[in-house]
Protein backbone atom coordinates (compact mmCIF):
# COMPACT_ATOMS: atom_id res chain seq x y z
CA MET A 1 140.90 84.36 60.67
CA LEU A 2 137.53 83.03 61.53
CA LYS A 3 135.65 79.96 60.89
CA ASN A 4 132.12 79.12 60.09
CA PHE A 5 130.06 75.97 61.15
CA GLN A 6 126.46 75.71 60.05
CA LEU A 7 124.29 73.31 62.41
CA LYS A 8 121.34 71.74 60.38
CA ILE A 9 119.19 70.34 63.44
CA SER A 10 116.03 68.43 62.67
CA ILE A 11 113.33 68.44 65.22
CA SER A 12 110.53 66.39 66.43
CA GLN A 13 107.91 69.02 66.98
CA LYS A 14 107.30 72.45 65.20
CA SER A 15 107.06 75.33 67.93
CA GLU A 16 107.70 78.91 67.70
CA TYR A 17 109.86 78.52 70.68
CA VAL A 18 112.24 75.64 69.58
CA GLU A 19 114.69 77.79 67.85
CA GLY A 20 115.21 79.98 70.81
CA ILE A 21 115.34 77.02 73.06
CA ILE A 22 118.05 75.19 70.94
CA LEU A 23 120.13 78.47 70.66
CA GLU A 24 120.27 78.79 74.44
CA MET A 25 121.23 75.08 74.77
CA ILE A 26 123.98 75.69 72.36
CA HIS A 27 125.00 78.79 74.14
CA ASN A 28 125.28 77.38 77.19
CA LEU A 29 127.57 74.35 76.04
CA LEU A 30 129.99 76.90 74.32
CA CYS A 31 129.82 80.31 75.88
CA ASN A 32 132.98 79.64 78.15
CA ASN A 33 135.36 79.13 75.07
CA PRO A 34 137.36 82.51 74.21
CA GLN A 35 137.80 81.51 70.76
CA LEU A 36 133.99 81.56 70.45
CA ILE A 37 132.85 84.82 68.40
CA SER A 38 129.01 84.16 67.95
CA ILE A 39 126.08 81.66 67.91
CA SER A 40 122.93 82.99 65.90
CA ALA A 41 120.05 81.68 64.16
CA GLY A 42 120.92 81.02 60.43
CA ASP A 43 120.70 84.06 58.24
CA PHE A 44 120.51 81.92 54.97
CA GLU A 45 117.43 82.14 52.92
CA GLY A 46 116.71 78.52 52.17
CA ASN A 47 114.06 76.23 51.58
CA LEU A 48 114.47 74.18 54.64
CA SER A 49 111.34 72.17 56.08
CA PRO A 50 110.00 73.71 59.24
CA GLU A 51 111.09 70.49 60.83
CA VAL A 52 114.90 72.00 60.48
CA VAL A 53 116.36 74.64 62.59
CA THR A 54 119.67 76.25 61.30
CA ILE A 55 122.23 77.94 63.56
CA GLU A 56 125.44 79.60 62.56
CA ILE A 57 128.54 79.40 64.65
CA ILE A 58 131.47 81.63 64.12
CA THR A 59 134.72 81.11 65.80
CA ARG A 60 138.39 81.95 65.92
CA ASP A 61 141.19 79.71 64.35
CA GLY A 62 142.22 77.39 67.25
CA PHE A 63 138.74 76.69 68.06
CA SER A 64 139.37 73.41 70.13
CA GLU A 65 136.22 72.36 71.14
CA ASN A 66 134.70 68.89 69.85
CA LEU A 67 131.42 70.10 68.15
CA ALA A 68 130.04 66.59 67.57
CA GLU A 69 130.69 65.43 71.09
CA LEU A 70 129.09 68.37 72.92
CA LEU A 71 126.44 68.53 70.55
CA LYS A 72 125.54 64.78 71.33
CA LYS A 73 124.61 66.13 75.03
CA ILE A 74 121.89 68.13 73.63
CA LYS A 75 120.43 65.35 71.58
CA LEU A 76 120.46 63.04 74.79
CA SER A 77 118.87 65.95 77.04
CA THR A 78 115.98 66.58 74.95
CA LYS A 79 113.51 64.59 72.95
CA ILE A 80 112.83 67.43 70.50
CA VAL A 81 116.06 67.12 68.63
CA LYS A 82 116.24 63.97 66.19
CA THR A 83 119.48 64.56 64.53
CA ILE A 84 122.50 67.36 64.30
CA GLU A 85 124.25 67.82 61.05
CA ILE A 86 127.55 69.94 61.30
CA LEU A 87 128.62 71.76 58.18
CA GLU A 88 132.14 73.87 58.12
CA SER A 89 131.92 76.11 54.99
CA ALA A 90 135.56 76.40 53.24
CA ASP A 91 134.11 79.60 51.59
CA TRP A 92 131.24 80.83 53.45
CA VAL A 93 131.70 84.40 52.17
CA LYS A 94 130.78 83.49 48.51
CA GLU A 95 127.98 81.10 49.82
CA TYR A 96 126.34 84.04 51.67
CA GLN A 97 126.65 86.51 48.83
CA GLN A 98 124.43 84.28 46.74
CA PHE A 99 121.54 84.67 49.49
CA TYR A 100 122.52 88.17 50.84
CA LYS A 101 119.66 90.82 49.93
CA PRO A 102 119.34 94.57 50.91
CA ILE A 103 116.93 95.21 53.83
CA THR A 104 115.27 98.43 54.87
CA ILE A 105 114.32 99.25 58.44
CA GLY A 106 111.32 101.63 58.28
CA GLU A 107 111.79 104.34 55.88
CA LYS A 108 115.00 106.02 57.09
CA LEU A 109 117.53 103.07 56.91
CA TRP A 110 118.50 101.00 53.86
CA ILE A 111 121.55 98.46 54.26
CA GLY A 112 122.82 96.59 51.40
CA ALA A 113 126.19 95.31 49.74
CA SER A 114 128.19 97.35 47.16
CA TRP A 115 126.85 95.46 44.36
CA HIS A 116 123.42 96.56 45.21
CA LYS A 117 121.70 99.63 43.73
CA PRO A 118 119.53 101.29 46.68
CA GLU A 119 116.12 102.03 45.53
CA VAL A 120 115.13 104.56 48.16
CA ASN A 121 114.31 108.18 48.74
CA LYS A 122 116.81 110.67 49.30
CA ASP A 123 116.17 111.07 52.78
CA CYS A 124 117.08 107.32 53.64
CA ILE A 125 120.24 106.57 55.26
CA ARG A 126 122.39 104.23 53.04
CA ILE A 127 125.05 101.87 54.48
CA PHE A 128 127.06 99.62 52.31
CA ILE A 129 128.33 96.32 53.95
CA ASP A 130 129.88 93.59 52.10
CA PRO A 131 129.23 90.08 53.43
CA SER A 132 132.53 89.27 55.15
CA GLN A 133 134.09 87.27 58.01
CA ALA A 134 132.59 89.85 60.57
CA PHE A 135 129.30 89.79 62.47
CA GLY A 136 126.79 92.89 61.58
CA THR A 137 125.38 92.59 58.07
CA GLY A 138 122.10 93.78 59.65
CA HIS A 139 120.04 90.73 58.94
CA HIS A 140 120.08 89.51 62.46
CA GLU A 141 117.70 90.43 65.07
CA THR A 142 120.22 91.58 67.52
CA THR A 143 121.79 93.97 65.04
CA GLN A 144 118.42 95.17 63.86
CA LEU A 145 117.49 95.78 67.56
CA CYS A 146 120.26 97.85 67.89
CA LEU A 147 119.65 100.03 64.67
CA LYS A 148 116.15 100.54 65.51
CA SER A 149 117.34 101.99 68.74
CA LEU A 150 119.83 104.21 66.87
CA LEU A 151 117.12 105.42 64.56
CA GLY A 152 115.48 107.06 67.57
CA LYS A 153 118.46 108.92 68.37
CA SER A 154 119.28 112.64 67.67
CA PHE A 155 122.61 113.08 67.30
CA ASN A 156 124.73 116.53 67.25
CA ASN A 157 128.19 117.89 66.92
CA SER A 158 129.22 117.11 70.53
CA ASP A 159 127.99 113.53 70.73
CA SER A 160 130.20 110.67 70.96
CA LEU A 161 129.46 107.00 70.65
CA LEU A 162 131.29 103.80 71.24
CA ASP A 163 130.66 100.56 69.13
CA PHE A 164 131.80 97.94 71.33
CA GLY A 165 132.43 94.67 70.05
CA CYS A 166 131.71 96.45 66.43
CA GLY A 167 132.18 93.41 63.95
CA SER A 168 131.43 94.85 60.46
CA GLY A 169 131.23 98.44 62.14
CA ILE A 170 127.49 98.87 60.97
CA LEU A 171 126.34 100.49 64.24
CA GLY A 172 129.19 103.11 64.34
CA ILE A 173 128.89 103.51 60.60
CA TYR A 174 125.14 104.39 61.32
CA ALA A 175 126.20 107.09 63.73
CA LEU A 176 128.68 108.63 61.66
CA LYS A 177 125.90 109.00 58.86
CA ALA A 178 123.46 110.16 61.63
CA ASN A 179 125.83 113.25 62.30
CA CYS A 180 127.47 111.71 65.30
CA LYS A 181 130.44 113.89 66.05
CA SER A 182 132.97 111.16 67.29
CA VAL A 183 132.66 107.33 66.91
CA ASP A 184 135.06 104.87 68.06
CA PHE A 185 135.06 101.16 67.13
CA VAL A 186 136.39 98.30 69.63
CA ASP A 187 136.78 94.54 68.61
CA CYS A 188 138.90 91.87 70.02
CA ASP A 189 139.24 90.29 66.82
CA GLU A 190 142.01 91.89 64.46
CA LYS A 191 140.11 90.71 61.46
CA ALA A 192 136.90 91.92 62.39
CA LEU A 193 138.42 95.59 63.15
CA SER A 194 140.09 95.54 59.69
CA ILE A 195 136.89 94.78 58.13
CA ALA A 196 135.23 97.49 60.14
CA LYS A 197 137.74 99.87 58.95
CA ASP A 198 137.25 98.90 55.20
CA ASN A 199 133.55 99.35 55.73
CA VAL A 200 133.96 102.84 57.24
CA ILE A 201 135.72 103.84 54.28
CA ARG A 202 133.43 102.02 51.88
CA ASN A 203 130.76 104.50 53.36
CA GLY A 204 132.54 107.60 52.58
CA PHE A 205 134.65 108.09 56.15
CA TYR A 206 138.20 108.37 56.73
CA LEU A 207 139.14 108.13 60.52
CA SER A 208 142.36 108.17 61.97
CA LYS A 209 143.84 104.73 63.56
CA GLU A 210 143.08 106.06 67.12
CA HIS A 211 139.47 105.31 66.46
CA PHE A 212 140.00 101.73 66.00
CA SER A 213 141.13 99.37 68.93
CA SER A 214 141.53 95.57 69.27
CA LYS A 215 142.35 96.35 73.09
CA MET A 216 140.22 97.44 76.14
CA VAL A 217 139.44 101.07 75.83
CA THR A 218 140.95 103.50 78.34
CA ARG A 219 138.87 105.18 80.96
CA THR A 220 140.32 108.56 80.10
CA LYS A 221 137.71 109.06 77.55
CA THR A 222 134.05 109.24 78.15
CA TYR A 223 131.11 108.63 75.76
CA LYS A 224 127.28 109.74 75.74
CA PHE A 225 126.24 106.59 74.05
CA ILE A 226 127.70 102.89 74.06
CA TYR A 227 126.39 99.98 71.88
CA ALA A 228 127.24 96.68 72.86
CA ASN A 229 125.82 93.69 70.87
CA ILE A 230 128.05 90.94 72.17
CA GLY A 231 126.18 88.40 74.21
CA LEU A 232 125.57 87.66 78.12
CA ASN A 233 128.82 86.54 79.51
CA THR A 234 130.89 89.30 78.15
CA LEU A 235 128.27 91.69 79.09
CA LYS A 236 128.24 90.72 82.46
CA GLU A 237 132.09 91.05 82.84
CA LEU A 238 132.03 94.75 81.42
CA VAL A 239 129.49 96.33 83.89
CA PHE A 240 132.09 98.65 85.78
CA LEU A 241 133.97 99.40 82.44
CA PHE A 242 130.80 100.69 80.86
CA PHE A 243 130.02 102.74 83.82
CA ASP A 244 133.46 104.22 83.77
CA LEU A 245 133.20 105.10 80.06
CA LEU A 246 129.60 106.53 80.10
CA GLU A 247 129.22 110.40 80.61
CA PRO A 248 126.75 111.31 83.36
CA GLN A 249 123.35 110.54 82.24
CA GLY A 250 124.97 108.51 79.31
CA SER A 251 122.87 105.93 77.39
CA LEU A 252 124.10 102.20 77.48
CA VAL A 253 122.21 99.92 74.88
CA LEU A 254 122.90 96.16 75.46
CA SER A 255 121.96 93.16 72.79
CA GLY A 256 123.01 89.91 72.01
CA LEU A 257 120.29 88.68 74.60
CA LEU A 258 117.78 86.11 74.62
CA LYS A 259 114.68 86.89 76.31
CA SER A 260 115.70 84.18 78.89
CA HIS A 261 118.68 86.42 79.84
CA LYS A 262 116.64 89.32 80.80
CA LYS A 263 116.67 89.03 84.67
CA GLU A 264 120.34 87.94 84.78
CA ILE A 265 121.46 90.69 82.90
CA PHE A 266 119.17 93.56 84.67
CA ASP A 267 120.30 92.23 87.98
CA LYS A 268 123.90 92.64 87.11
CA TYR A 269 123.42 96.16 85.64
CA SER A 270 120.68 97.31 88.29
CA GLY A 271 121.12 95.00 91.00
CA LYS A 272 119.36 94.81 94.39
CA ASN A 273 122.38 96.12 96.36
CA PHE A 274 123.14 99.07 94.14
CA PHE A 275 121.70 101.10 91.27
CA SER A 276 124.21 101.99 88.70
CA PHE A 277 121.96 102.12 85.76
CA THR A 278 118.38 102.55 85.37
CA LYS A 279 116.42 100.97 82.34
CA VAL A 280 114.63 103.20 80.07
CA ASN A 281 113.60 100.92 77.34
CA GLU A 282 113.58 97.42 76.17
CA THR A 283 112.56 96.03 72.92
CA GLU A 284 112.43 92.82 71.28
CA GLN A 285 112.25 90.70 68.17
CA ASN A 286 111.59 87.13 67.94
CA ASN A 287 113.41 85.47 70.81
CA TRP A 288 115.90 88.29 71.38
CA ILE A 289 115.96 91.74 73.57
CA CYS A 290 117.68 94.94 73.38
CA MET A 291 117.89 96.92 76.65
CA GLU A 292 118.82 100.50 77.16
CA LEU A 293 120.14 101.60 80.30
CA LYS A 294 121.03 105.35 81.63
CA LYS A 295 123.81 105.88 83.82
CA ASN A 296 123.20 106.92 87.65
CA ARG A 297 125.20 108.85 90.01
CA GLU A 298 128.90 107.69 90.23
CA SER A 299 128.37 106.98 94.14
CA LEU A 300 126.02 104.46 93.56
CA CYS A 301 128.25 102.07 91.71
CA PRO A 302 130.61 100.38 94.48
CA ARG A 303 133.57 98.09 93.18
CA VAL A 304 132.24 94.65 94.61
């Protein structure tokens, strides 16, 4: 089971960069806790003043950090932060439903919940994702960056895609609707994986259990596309696995990254001593980036 914390942080000065700065500070404090699922800018549409930054933290049960004590370090380290209020929602799914509205990305994609009626043209892909305890409703910048990348792909009946850290399954569901032949979903959280299965069925697809895994995928299968929207530290650990899982010249799309992570992640995947991946595209939205890499020759990725 997952828990949701909402932080309401009052700030002493307004700036378009403040939210990103605070996000990164909180990320650096908590990123080594294995029970942490995600840290993101708040998705709720409220009437908060510009002097309040809202941050969402999602964790597994057993999250042992004393948030109040840790967050004091932020307050002490910067004059920007005035106060930090921590709210734990007992039923955050119902609360979120009050604010959850459908979105469109370009003219080709509509995302909403089962109770919404899509008012779009017949050629628009429609994805139904009910708000639940898994990351990936399409509202956050990192998810939108991945979806925009997917919108630029042309899939055929021989393509395969891995949705790594699938959360709600939204990325893999889009690939299925866009005629990708084979899609696999991986998430270390069993609850998220169960939600992804439900969402796949909700969107009209019935996949065997082999397409869903809570364990690390084996290197016996390869993919033309891998999408991983999971954050800096986990991405840094997976460079060799992703290299092995990609087909030659396959496409790897990384998200969940702040702009300040750009050099660190690029050095890890296309470093000075070897070039296992080549960057082919990079997009950004607010303070977030999405990086697309192409796999190079096998011999250029030593295990060091």
